[in-house]
Amino acid sequence: MAAPRTTAPKVMAVLDDHLRLHDNKLDPKAHQHHVLLLGPDGDDGLCATVKDHEKRLSELEKTNDKIDRLTLAVVTAVVIQLIMAGIKLI
């Protein structure tokens, strides 16, 4: 007993059937799924939202790094001023 083989034409047939559901909008769930992921015009939706959030997160991480460096610079300047004030008292 040989197991049925999965061949490229079988996979392509299944993929074509699935794409036909999106094109013809016969299956409302498939259409809603498509609109949710890609948006009504194919340029918006969850995919675009995720990309936008990734970009914003990257920018926030860069800003956080700058704030960390600025904080370190301010603390260093305060320590230097305290040391210099202590040296003048001696």
C-alpha atoms as a PDB file:
ATOM      1  CA  MET A   1       0.000   0.000   0.000  1.00  0.00           C
ATOM      2  CA  ALA A   2       1.667   3.144  -1.166  1.00  0.00           C
ATOM      3  CA  ALA A   3       0.725   6.478   0.307  1.00  0.00           C
ATOM      4  CA  PRO A   4      -0.647   8.973  -2.194  1.00  0.00           C
ATOM      5  CA  ARG A   5       2.077  11.269  -3.437  1.00  0.00           C
ATOM      6  CA  THR A   6       1.875  14.999  -3.127  1.00  0.00           C
ATOM      7  CA  THR A   7       2.898  16.433  -6.433  1.00  0.00           C
ATOM      8  CA  ALA A   8       3.282  19.966  -7.688  1.00  0.00           C
ATOM      9  CA  PRO A   9       0.105  19.854  -9.838  1.00  0.00           C
ATOM     10  CA  LYS A  10      -1.961  18.755  -6.813  1.00  0.00           C
ATOM     11  CA  VAL A  11      -0.542  21.535  -4.668  1.00  0.00           C
ATOM     12  CA  MET A  12      -1.086  24.067  -7.446  1.00  0.00           C
ATOM     13  CA  ALA A  13      -4.698  22.911  -7.846  1.00  0.00           C
ATOM     14  CA  VAL A  14      -5.370  23.424  -4.130  1.00  0.00           C
ATOM     15  CA  LEU A  15      -3.705  26.838  -4.254  1.00  0.00           C
ATOM     16  CA  ASP A  16      -5.724  27.835  -7.318  1.00  0.00           C
ATOM     17  CA  ASP A  17      -8.943  26.798  -5.574  1.00  0.00           C
ATOM     18  CA  HIS A  18      -8.009  28.920  -2.578  1.00  0.00           C
ATOM     19  CA  LEU A  19      -7.105  31.940  -4.709  1.00  0.00           C
ATOM     20  CA  ARG A  20     -10.349  31.567  -6.635  1.00  0.00           C
ATOM     21  CA  LEU A  21     -12.212  31.950  -3.332  1.00  0.00           C
ATOM     22  CA  HIS A  22     -10.447  35.266  -2.812  1.00  0.00           C
ATOM     23  CA  ASP A  23     -11.014  36.444  -6.373  1.00  0.00           C
ATOM     24  CA  ASN A  24     -14.660  35.463  -6.659  1.00  0.00           C
ATOM     25  CA  LYS A  25     -15.511  36.279  -3.060  1.00  0.00           C
ATOM     26  CA  LEU A  26     -17.684  33.185  -2.955  1.00  0.00           C
ATOM     27  CA  ASP A  27     -16.698  32.371   0.589  1.00  0.00           C
ATOM     28  CA  PRO A  28     -17.453  35.388   2.805  1.00  0.00           C
ATOM     29  CA  LYS A  29     -15.075  34.160   5.512  1.00  0.00           C
ATOM     30  CA  ALA A  30     -12.178  33.959   3.066  1.00  0.00           C
ATOM     31  CA  HIS A  31     -13.003  37.450   1.795  1.00  0.00           C
ATOM     32  CA  GLN A  32     -13.221  38.859   5.328  1.00  0.00           C
ATOM     33  CA  HIS A  33      -9.894  37.239   6.150  1.00  0.00           C
ATOM     34  CA  HIS A  34      -8.323  38.796   3.060  1.00  0.00           C
ATOM     35  CA  VAL A  35      -9.743  42.246   3.865  1.00  0.00           C
ATOM     36  CA  LEU A  36      -8.620  41.966   7.485  1.00  0.00           C
ATOM     37  CA  LEU A  37      -5.039  41.102   6.551  1.00  0.00           C
ATOM     38  CA  LEU A  38      -4.539  43.300   3.500  1.00  0.00           C
ATOM     39  CA  GLY A  39      -7.306  45.895   3.723  1.00  0.00           C
ATOM     40  CA  PRO A  40     -10.109  46.567   1.255  1.00  0.00           C
ATOM     41  CA  ASP A  41      -7.743  47.955  -1.388  1.00  0.00           C
ATOM     42  CA  GLY A  42      -4.828  45.643  -0.643  1.00  0.00           C
ATOM     43  CA  ASP A  43      -2.668  48.425   0.814  1.00  0.00           C
ATOM     44  CA  ASP A  44      -3.863  48.521   4.408  1.00  0.00           C
ATOM     45  CA  GLY A  45      -4.928  46.098   7.106  1.00  0.00           C
ATOM     46  CA  LEU A  46      -3.149  44.169   9.814  1.00  0.00           C
ATOM     47  CA  CYS A  47      -0.023  43.587   7.734  1.00  0.00           C
ATOM     48  CA  ALA A  48       0.493  47.315   7.245  1.00  0.00           C
ATOM     49  CA  THR A  49      -0.361  47.988  10.888  1.00  0.00           C
ATOM     50  CA  VAL A  50       2.249  45.516  12.087  1.00  0.00           C
ATOM     51  CA  LYS A  51       4.892  47.087   9.845  1.00  0.00           C
ATOM     52  CA  ASP A  52       3.961  50.535  11.175  1.00  0.00           C
ATOM     53  CA  HIS A  53       4.209  49.341  14.778  1.00  0.00           C
ATOM     54  CA  GLU A  54       7.598  47.728  14.115  1.00  0.00           C
ATOM     55  CA  LYS A  55       8.861  51.024  12.669  1.00  0.00           C
ATOM     56  CA  ARG A  56       7.567  52.996  15.656  1.00  0.00           C
ATOM     57  CA  LEU A  57       9.086  50.506  18.102  1.00  0.00           C
ATOM     58  CA  SER A  58      12.441  50.828  16.358  1.00  0.00           C
ATOM     59  CA  GLU A  59      12.272  54.628  16.604  1.00  0.00           C
ATOM     60  CA  LEU A  60      11.340  54.425  20.298  1.00  0.00           C
ATOM     61  CA  GLU A  61      14.302  52.143  20.988  1.00  0.00           C
ATOM     62  CA  LYS A  62      16.625  54.642  19.273  1.00  0.00           C
ATOM     63  CA  THR A  63      15.156  57.472  21.360  1.00  0.00           C
ATOM     64  CA  ASN A  64      15.559  55.406  24.524  1.00  0.00           C
ATOM     65  CA  ASP A  65      19.231  54.817  23.709  1.00  0.00           C
ATOM     66  CA  LYS A  66      19.749  58.562  23.223  1.00  0.00           C
ATOM     67  CA  ILE A  67      18.075  59.294  26.574  1.00  0.00           C
ATOM     68  CA  ASP A  68      20.273  56.698  28.283  1.00  0.00           C
ATOM     69  CA  ARG A  69      23.422  58.302  26.840  1.00  0.00           C
ATOM     70  CA  LEU A  70      22.199  61.783  27.840  1.00  0.00           C
ATOM     71  CA  THR A  71      21.475  60.604  31.382  1.00  0.00           C
ATOM     72  CA  LEU A  72      24.957  59.119  31.656  1.00  0.00           C
ATOM     73  CA  ALA A  73      26.473  62.381  30.391  1.00  0.00           C
ATOM     74  CA  VAL A  74      24.521  64.468  32.937  1.00  0.00           C
ATOM     75  CA  VAL A  75      25.464  62.163  35.835  1.00  0.00           C
ATOM     76  CA  THR A  76      29.108  62.272  34.743  1.00  0.00           C
ATOM     77  CA  ALA A  77      29.032  66.094  34.570  1.00  0.00           C
ATOM     78  CA  VAL A  78      27.505  66.326  38.059  1.00  0.00           C
ATOM     79  CA  VAL A  79      30.131  63.975  39.492  1.00  0.00           C
ATOM     80  CA  ILE A  80      32.924  65.982  37.859  1.00  0.00           C
ATOM     81  CA  GLN A  81      31.484  69.241  39.272  1.00  0.00           C
ATOM     82  CA  LEU A  82      31.287  67.720  42.752  1.00  0.00           C
ATOM     83  CA  ILE A  83      34.887  66.518  42.512  1.00  0.00           C
ATOM     84  CA  MET A  84      36.056  69.932  41.303  1.00  0.00           C
ATOM     85  CA  ALA A  85      34.172  71.658  44.139  1.00  0.00           C
ATOM     86  CA  GLY A  86      35.799  69.286  46.623  1.00  0.00           C
ATOM     87  CA  ILE A  87      39.255  70.020  45.225  1.00  0.00           C
ATOM     88  CA  LYS A  88      38.701  73.802  45.577  1.00  0.00           C
ATOM     89  CA  LEU A  89      37.790  73.386  49.253  1.00  0.00           C
ATOM     90  CA  ILE A  90      41.066  71.595  50.004  1.00  0.00           C
END
